[in-house]
Amino acid sequence: MVVIQARCIKCCLLILNLIFALLGLIILLLAFWFRFDERTKSLYEVSMNGEKFIIGIYVMWAAGGLLLVSGFTGYFAVSKESKCLLWFYLALIVILFLVEMTVAIWVFAQKDVVIKQLQGTYAGTIDLGNQNDLDFKCMINVLHKTLDCCGYKSISGQIKGCDSSKYKDCLESIEHIINSKLHIFAAIAFGIALITVFGIIFTILLYRSIKQSADII
């Protein structure tokens, strides 16, 4: 009975670790794309908040790396049924859970600040960017299509970054999208946190099963 229980827990943990590794790989690839793709590089190279974009990319690297390391560590710990590796893996996913909760709470608490920074970044990008640069124009066009807007209205009432005033203001679009899609972010954060909690529970159960098997032998 103990052996069957341990096998079931191992299968569940292997699936969870596969999810961790895939999430980590996706986040790392996205971070590398944001950092080195010519179309996205121009977003923070001309932006007043460019340093914050770089910090955000470093955070993505750290989060993706932690997920990837957790996934591989968990796989080897479960496969080898090593108590030491299981404890190390448990420590990793507990840290991961705490980081997830900290980031989620910070985003919800600083929502208005995040909106203002994104609006400032967009406005600064439009004001400082080289309108004749092909990569810059391509990036702005993609951004406008994604946000379903064009340009923004300055304090003086001048339309910047767009040839027509009939389109939606991008500063308003940024605020609307963040406010309307916040529940999606919450659902994703809750889902990842739930997976992490299951990982913690299954790791503890597997450790106990391995210990019981050793005591029986």
C-alpha atoms as a PDB file:
ATOM      1  CA  MET A   1       0.000   0.000   0.000  1.00  0.00           C
ATOM      2  CA  VAL A   2       2.841   2.376   0.893  1.00  0.00           C
ATOM      3  CA  VAL A   3       4.620   1.572  -2.386  1.00  0.00           C
ATOM      4  CA  ILE A   4       1.484   2.256  -4.470  1.00  0.00           C
ATOM      5  CA  GLN A   5       0.907   5.538  -2.638  1.00  0.00           C
ATOM      6  CA  ALA A   6       4.521   6.578  -3.241  1.00  0.00           C
ATOM      7  CA  ARG A   7       4.227   5.794  -6.963  1.00  0.00           C
ATOM      8  CA  CYS A   8       1.061   7.891  -7.315  1.00  0.00           C
ATOM      9  CA  ILE A   9       2.702  10.813  -5.509  1.00  0.00           C
ATOM     10  CA  LYS A  10       5.811  10.456  -7.704  1.00  0.00           C
ATOM     11  CA  CYS A  11       3.699  10.631 -10.870  1.00  0.00           C
ATOM     12  CA  CYS A  12       1.927  13.770  -9.628  1.00  0.00           C
ATOM     13  CA  LEU A  13       5.230  15.406  -8.692  1.00  0.00           C
ATOM     14  CA  LEU A  14       6.796  14.561 -12.056  1.00  0.00           C
ATOM     15  CA  ILE A  15       3.855  16.249 -13.830  1.00  0.00           C
ATOM     16  CA  LEU A  16       4.131  19.314 -11.558  1.00  0.00           C
ATOM     17  CA  ASN A  17       7.872  19.541 -12.189  1.00  0.00           C
ATOM     18  CA  LEU A  18       7.277  19.345 -15.926  1.00  0.00           C
ATOM     19  CA  ILE A  19       4.874  22.301 -15.589  1.00  0.00           C
ATOM     20  CA  PHE A  20       7.448  24.225 -13.521  1.00  0.00           C
ATOM     21  CA  ALA A  21      10.181  23.577 -16.091  1.00  0.00           C
ATOM     22  CA  LEU A  22       7.959  24.597 -19.037  1.00  0.00           C
ATOM     23  CA  LEU A  23       6.816  27.791 -17.301  1.00  0.00           C
ATOM     24  CA  GLY A  24      10.406  28.651 -16.450  1.00  0.00           C
ATOM     25  CA  LEU A  25      11.551  28.054 -20.022  1.00  0.00           C
ATOM     26  CA  ILE A  26       8.727  30.188 -21.452  1.00  0.00           C
ATOM     27  CA  ILE A  27       9.507  33.070 -19.072  1.00  0.00           C
ATOM     28  CA  LEU A  28      13.243  32.877 -19.885  1.00  0.00           C
ATOM     29  CA  LEU A  29      12.575  32.879 -23.643  1.00  0.00           C
ATOM     30  CA  LEU A  30      10.229  35.859 -23.318  1.00  0.00           C
ATOM     31  CA  ALA A  31      12.832  37.732 -21.249  1.00  0.00           C
ATOM     32  CA  PHE A  32      15.562  37.059 -23.841  1.00  0.00           C
ATOM     33  CA  TRP A  33      13.200  38.159 -26.596  1.00  0.00           C
ATOM     34  CA  PHE A  34      12.351  41.432 -24.790  1.00  0.00           C
ATOM     35  CA  ARG A  35      16.041  42.077 -24.088  1.00  0.00           C
ATOM     36  CA  PHE A  36      17.651  41.294 -27.439  1.00  0.00           C
ATOM     37  CA  ASP A  37      15.011  41.621 -30.164  1.00  0.00           C
ATOM     38  CA  GLU A  38      15.598  44.824 -32.146  1.00  0.00           C
ATOM     39  CA  ARG A  39      11.896  45.738 -32.148  1.00  0.00           C
ATOM     40  CA  THR A  40      11.542  45.518 -28.366  1.00  0.00           C
ATOM     41  CA  LYS A  41      14.990  46.907 -27.523  1.00  0.00           C
ATOM     42  CA  SER A  42      13.910  50.291 -28.862  1.00  0.00           C
ATOM     43  CA  LEU A  43      11.086  50.344 -26.313  1.00  0.00           C
ATOM     44  CA  TYR A  44      13.440  50.766 -23.337  1.00  0.00           C
ATOM     45  CA  GLU A  45      16.387  52.358 -25.148  1.00  0.00           C
ATOM     46  CA  VAL A  46      14.356  55.511 -25.844  1.00  0.00           C
ATOM     47  CA  SER A  47      12.078  55.327 -22.800  1.00  0.00           C
ATOM     48  CA  MET A  48      12.479  57.543 -19.731  1.00  0.00           C
ATOM     49  CA  ASN A  49      11.769  54.433 -17.640  1.00  0.00           C
ATOM     50  CA  GLY A  50      14.212  52.243 -19.576  1.00  0.00           C
ATOM     51  CA  GLU A  51      16.056  51.198 -16.411  1.00  0.00           C
ATOM     52  CA  LYS A  52      12.819  49.850 -14.939  1.00  0.00           C
ATOM     53  CA  PHE A  53      12.276  47.757 -18.068  1.00  0.00           C
ATOM     54  CA  ILE A  54      15.766  46.299 -17.667  1.00  0.00           C
ATOM     55  CA  ILE A  55      15.059  45.529 -13.991  1.00  0.00           C
ATOM     56  CA  GLY A  56      11.801  43.870 -15.049  1.00  0.00           C
ATOM     57  CA  ILE A  57      13.706  41.702 -17.528  1.00  0.00           C
ATOM     58  CA  TYR A  58      16.199  40.700 -14.814  1.00  0.00           C
ATOM     59  CA  VAL A  59      13.259  39.761 -12.570  1.00  0.00           C
ATOM     60  CA  MET A  60      11.867  37.610 -15.403  1.00  0.00           C
ATOM     61  CA  TRP A  61      15.261  35.920 -15.771  1.00  0.00           C
ATOM     62  CA  ALA A  62      15.410  35.243 -12.045  1.00  0.00           C
ATOM     63  CA  ALA A  63      11.823  33.913 -11.904  1.00  0.00           C
ATOM     64  CA  GLY A  64      12.256  31.766 -15.015  1.00  0.00           C
ATOM     65  CA  GLY A  65      15.579  30.429 -13.765  1.00  0.00           C
ATOM     66  CA  LEU A  66      14.116  29.578 -10.367  1.00  0.00           C
ATOM     67  CA  LEU A  67      11.190  27.739 -11.979  1.00  0.00           C
ATOM     68  CA  LEU A  68      13.504  25.857 -14.336  1.00  0.00           C
ATOM     69  CA  VAL A  69      15.917  24.877 -11.549  1.00  0.00           C
ATOM     70  CA  SER A  70      12.982  23.837  -9.348  1.00  0.00           C
ATOM     71  CA  GLY A  71      11.580  21.664 -12.129  1.00  0.00           C
ATOM     72  CA  PHE A  72      14.854  19.851 -12.809  1.00  0.00           C
ATOM     73  CA  THR A  73      15.739  19.535  -9.121  1.00  0.00           C
ATOM     74  CA  GLY A  74      12.298  18.125  -8.391  1.00  0.00           C
ATOM     75  CA  TYR A  75      12.601  15.644 -11.252  1.00  0.00           C
ATOM     76  CA  PHE A  76      15.923  14.253 -10.005  1.00  0.00           C
ATOM     77  CA  ALA A  77      14.812  14.335  -6.360  1.00  0.00           C
ATOM     78  CA  VAL A  78      11.658  12.346  -7.163  1.00  0.00           C
ATOM     79  CA  SER A  79      13.377   9.938  -9.576  1.00  0.00           C
ATOM     80  CA  LYS A  80      16.226   9.136  -7.189  1.00  0.00           C
ATOM     81  CA  GLU A  81      13.990   9.305  -4.097  1.00  0.00           C
ATOM     82  CA  SER A  82      16.781  11.224  -2.376  1.00  0.00           C
ATOM     83  CA  LYS A  83      15.815  12.693   0.979  1.00  0.00           C
ATOM     84  CA  CYS A  84      18.464  15.428   0.763  1.00  0.00           C
ATOM     85  CA  LEU A  85      17.345  16.495  -2.724  1.00  0.00           C
ATOM     86  CA  LEU A  86      13.697  16.417  -1.622  1.00  0.00           C
ATOM     87  CA  TRP A  87      14.471  18.786   1.250  1.00  0.00           C
ATOM     88  CA  PHE A  88      16.384  21.075  -1.133  1.00  0.00           C
ATOM     89  CA  TYR A  89      13.517  20.949  -3.626  1.00  0.00           C
ATOM     90  CA  LEU A  90      11.016  21.672  -0.867  1.00  0.00           C
ATOM     91  CA  ALA A  91      13.023  24.744   0.170  1.00  0.00           C
ATOM     92  CA  LEU A  92      13.081  25.943  -3.464  1.00  0.00           C
ATOM     93  CA  ILE A  93       9.330  25.704  -4.001  1.00  0.00           C
ATOM     94  CA  VAL A  94       8.598  27.321  -0.622  1.00  0.00           C
ATOM     95  CA  ILE A  95      10.798  30.260  -1.699  1.00  0.00           C
ATOM     96  CA  LEU A  96       9.008  30.231  -5.067  1.00  0.00           C
ATOM     97  CA  PHE A  97       5.625  30.371  -3.341  1.00  0.00           C
ATOM     98  CA  LEU A  98       6.703  33.297  -1.142  1.00  0.00           C
ATOM     99  CA  VAL A  99       8.047  35.193  -4.183  1.00  0.00           C
ATOM    100  CA  GLU A 100       4.806  34.595  -6.109  1.00  0.00           C
ATOM    101  CA  MET A 101       2.700  35.895  -3.228  1.00  0.00           C
ATOM    102  CA  THR A 102       4.959  38.925  -2.735  1.00  0.00           C
ATOM    103  CA  VAL A 103       4.823  39.893  -6.421  1.00  0.00           C
ATOM    104  CA  ALA A 104       1.041  39.379  -6.642  1.00  0.00           C
ATOM    105  CA  ILE A 105       0.378  41.458  -3.510  1.00  0.00           C
ATOM    106  CA  TRP A 106       2.763  44.182  -4.710  1.00  0.00           C
ATOM    107  CA  VAL A 107       1.086  44.397  -8.141  1.00  0.00           C
ATOM    108  CA  PHE A 108      -2.384  44.715  -6.601  1.00  0.00           C
ATOM    109  CA  ALA A 109      -1.225  47.235  -4.000  1.00  0.00           C
ATOM    110  CA  GLN A 110       0.740  49.321  -6.542  1.00  0.00           C
ATOM    111  CA  LYS A 111      -1.745  49.051  -9.423  1.00  0.00           C
ATOM    112  CA  ASP A 112      -2.173  52.799  -9.830  1.00  0.00           C
ATOM    113  CA  VAL A 113       1.581  53.361  -9.712  1.00  0.00           C
ATOM    114  CA  VAL A 114       2.110  50.661 -12.360  1.00  0.00           C
ATOM    115  CA  ILE A 115      -0.513  52.306 -14.613  1.00  0.00           C
ATOM    116  CA  LYS A 116       1.134  55.722 -14.303  1.00  0.00           C
ATOM    117  CA  GLN A 117       4.580  54.281 -15.004  1.00  0.00           C
ATOM    118  CA  LEU A 118       3.340  52.457 -18.101  1.00  0.00           C
ATOM    119  CA  GLN A 119       1.585  55.595 -19.311  1.00  0.00           C
ATOM    120  CA  GLY A 120       4.749  57.621 -18.700  1.00  0.00           C
ATOM    121  CA  THR A 121       6.829  55.005 -20.489  1.00  0.00           C
ATOM    122  CA  TYR A 122       4.551  55.063 -23.515  1.00  0.00           C
ATOM    123  CA  ALA A 123       4.468  58.874 -23.667  1.00  0.00           C
ATOM    124  CA  GLY A 124       8.256  59.071 -23.237  1.00  0.00           C
ATOM    125  CA  THR A 125       8.768  56.485 -25.972  1.00  0.00           C
ATOM    126  CA  ILE A 126       6.625  58.469 -28.401  1.00  0.00           C
ATOM    127  CA  ASP A 127       8.310  61.779 -27.513  1.00  0.00           C
ATOM    128  CA  LEU A 128      11.914  60.542 -27.627  1.00  0.00           C
ATOM    129  CA  GLY A 129      11.717  57.872 -30.320  1.00  0.00           C
ATOM    130  CA  ASN A 130      13.073  58.240 -33.846  1.00  0.00           C
ATOM    131  CA  GLN A 131       9.917  58.312 -35.957  1.00  0.00           C
ATOM    132  CA  ASN A 132      11.933  57.517 -39.105  1.00  0.00           C
ATOM    133  CA  ASP A 133      13.501  54.362 -37.652  1.00  0.00           C
ATOM    134  CA  LEU A 134      11.925  51.248 -39.211  1.00  0.00           C
ATOM    135  CA  ASP A 135      12.255  49.070 -36.082  1.00  0.00           C
ATOM    136  CA  PHE A 136      10.768  51.812 -33.917  1.00  0.00           C
ATOM    137  CA  LYS A 137       7.803  52.309 -36.277  1.00  0.00           C
ATOM    138  CA  CYS A 138       7.204  48.549 -36.417  1.00  0.00           C
ATOM    139  CA  MET A 139       7.253  48.311 -32.614  1.00  0.00           C
ATOM    140  CA  ILE A 140       4.858  51.262 -32.218  1.00  0.00           C
ATOM    141  CA  ASN A 141       2.458  49.844 -34.826  1.00  0.00           C
ATOM    142  CA  VAL A 142       2.370  46.489 -33.016  1.00  0.00           C
ATOM    143  CA  LEU A 143       1.815  48.304 -29.717  1.00  0.00           C
ATOM    144  CA  HIS A 144      -1.048  50.347 -31.176  1.00  0.00           C
ATOM    145  CA  LYS A 145      -2.716  47.265 -32.654  1.00  0.00           C
ATOM    146  CA  THR A 146      -2.371  45.419 -29.348  1.00  0.00           C
ATOM    147  CA  LEU A 147      -3.822  48.304 -27.329  1.00  0.00           C
ATOM    148  CA  ASP A 148      -6.364  49.202 -30.069  1.00  0.00           C
ATOM    149  CA  CYS A 149      -5.379  52.863 -29.890  1.00  0.00           C
ATOM    150  CA  CYS A 150      -3.171  55.467 -31.538  1.00  0.00           C
ATOM    151  CA  GLY A 151      -1.060  58.147 -29.875  1.00  0.00           C
ATOM    152  CA  TYR A 152      -1.980  60.227 -26.870  1.00  0.00           C
ATOM    153  CA  LYS A 153      -3.236  63.700 -26.028  1.00  0.00           C
ATOM    154  CA  SER A 154      -0.689  65.896 -24.261  1.00  0.00           C
ATOM    155  CA  ILE A 155      -1.499  68.388 -21.500  1.00  0.00           C
ATOM    156  CA  SER A 156      -1.661  71.142 -24.112  1.00  0.00           C
ATOM    157  CA  GLY A 157      -4.248  69.131 -26.073  1.00  0.00           C
ATOM    158  CA  GLN A 158      -1.876  68.201 -28.892  1.00  0.00           C
ATOM    159  CA  ILE A 159      -2.184  64.697 -30.396  1.00  0.00           C
ATOM    160  CA  LYS A 160       1.196  62.954 -30.369  1.00  0.00           C
ATOM    161  CA  GLY A 161       2.219  59.724 -32.050  1.00  0.00           C
ATOM    162  CA  CYS A 162      -0.824  59.625 -34.342  1.00  0.00           C
ATOM    163  CA  ASP A 163      -1.948  61.428 -37.485  1.00  0.00           C
ATOM    164  CA  SER A 164      -5.641  61.361 -36.576  1.00  0.00           C
ATOM    165  CA  SER A 165      -7.673  62.214 -33.469  1.00  0.00           C
ATOM    166  CA  LYS A 166     -10.464  59.724 -34.241  1.00  0.00           C
ATOM    167  CA  TYR A 167      -8.611  56.855 -32.537  1.00  0.00           C
ATOM    168  CA  LYS A 168      -8.676  55.993 -28.855  1.00  0.00           C
ATOM    169  CA  ASP A 169      -6.097  57.633 -26.588  1.00  0.00           C
ATOM    170  CA  CYS A 170      -3.412  55.058 -25.682  1.00  0.00           C
ATOM    171  CA  LEU A 171      -3.032  56.406 -22.141  1.00  0.00           C
ATOM    172  CA  GLU A 172      -6.712  55.694 -21.531  1.00  0.00           C
ATOM    173  CA  SER A 173      -6.360  52.277 -23.214  1.00  0.00           C
ATOM    174  CA  ILE A 174      -3.487  51.320 -20.910  1.00  0.00           C
ATOM    175  CA  GLU A 175      -5.546  52.179 -17.821  1.00  0.00           C
ATOM    176  CA  HIS A 176      -8.642  50.409 -19.147  1.00  0.00           C
ATOM    177  CA  ILE A 177      -6.780  47.222 -20.118  1.00  0.00           C
ATOM    178  CA  ILE A 178      -5.011  46.895 -16.762  1.00  0.00           C
ATOM    179  CA  ASN A 179      -8.216  47.509 -14.787  1.00  0.00           C
ATOM    180  CA  SER A 180     -10.299  45.164 -16.949  1.00  0.00           C
ATOM    181  CA  LYS A 181      -7.711  42.354 -17.171  1.00  0.00           C
ATOM    182  CA  LEU A 182      -6.628  42.408 -13.536  1.00  0.00           C
ATOM    183  CA  HIS A 183      -8.853  39.424 -12.732  1.00  0.00           C
ATOM    184  CA  ILE A 184      -7.012  37.391 -15.391  1.00  0.00           C
ATOM    185  CA  PHE A 185      -3.695  38.157 -13.721  1.00  0.00           C
ATOM    186  CA  ALA A 186      -5.240  37.201 -10.383  1.00  0.00           C
ATOM    187  CA  ALA A 187      -6.461  33.881 -11.823  1.00  0.00           C
ATOM    188  CA  ILE A 188      -3.012  33.098 -13.288  1.00  0.00           C
ATOM    189  CA  ALA A 189      -1.265  34.024 -10.029  1.00  0.00           C
ATOM    190  CA  PHE A 190      -3.738  31.903  -8.053  1.00  0.00           C
ATOM    191  CA  GLY A 191      -3.252  28.957 -10.445  1.00  0.00           C
ATOM    192  CA  ILE A 192       0.545  29.049 -10.179  1.00  0.00           C
ATOM    193  CA  ALA A 193       0.343  29.437  -6.395  1.00  0.00           C
ATOM    194  CA  LEU A 194      -2.053  26.455  -6.214  1.00  0.00           C
ATOM    195  CA  ILE A 195       0.324  24.310  -8.283  1.00  0.00           C
ATOM    196  CA  THR A 196       3.159  25.317  -5.948  1.00  0.00           C
ATOM    197  CA  VAL A 197       1.112  24.413  -2.863  1.00  0.00           C
ATOM    198  CA  PHE A 198       0.335  20.995  -4.358  1.00  0.00           C
ATOM    199  CA  GLY A 199       4.055  20.592  -5.014  1.00  0.00           C
ATOM    200  CA  ILE A 200       4.825  21.327  -1.352  1.00  0.00           C
ATOM    201  CA  ILE A 201       2.156  18.885  -0.114  1.00  0.00           C
ATOM    202  CA  PHE A 202       3.162  16.075  -2.496  1.00  0.00           C
ATOM    203  CA  THR A 203       6.854  16.519  -1.622  1.00  0.00           C
ATOM    204  CA  ILE A 204       6.124  16.162   2.089  1.00  0.00           C
ATOM    205  CA  LEU A 205       3.930  13.103   1.436  1.00  0.00           C
ATOM    206  CA  LEU A 206       6.598  11.502  -0.757  1.00  0.00           C
ATOM    207  CA  TYR A 207       9.251  12.112   1.874  1.00  0.00           C
ATOM    208  CA  ARG A 208       7.058  10.444   4.496  1.00  0.00           C
ATOM    209  CA  SER A 209       6.356   7.497   2.158  1.00  0.00           C
ATOM    210  CA  ILE A 210      10.078   7.007   1.502  1.00  0.00           C
ATOM    211  CA  LYS A 211      10.788   7.183   5.230  1.00  0.00           C
ATOM    212  CA  GLN A 212       8.044   4.626   5.995  1.00  0.00           C
ATOM    213  CA  SER A 213       9.395   2.261   3.301  1.00  0.00           C
ATOM    214  CA  ALA A 214      12.874   2.557   4.790  1.00  0.00           C
ATOM    215  CA  ASP A 215      11.531   1.816   8.302  1.00  0.00           C
ATOM    216  CA  ILE A 216       9.667  -1.265   7.044  1.00  0.00           C
ATOM    217  CA  ILE A 217      12.791  -2.582   5.345  1.00  0.00           C
END
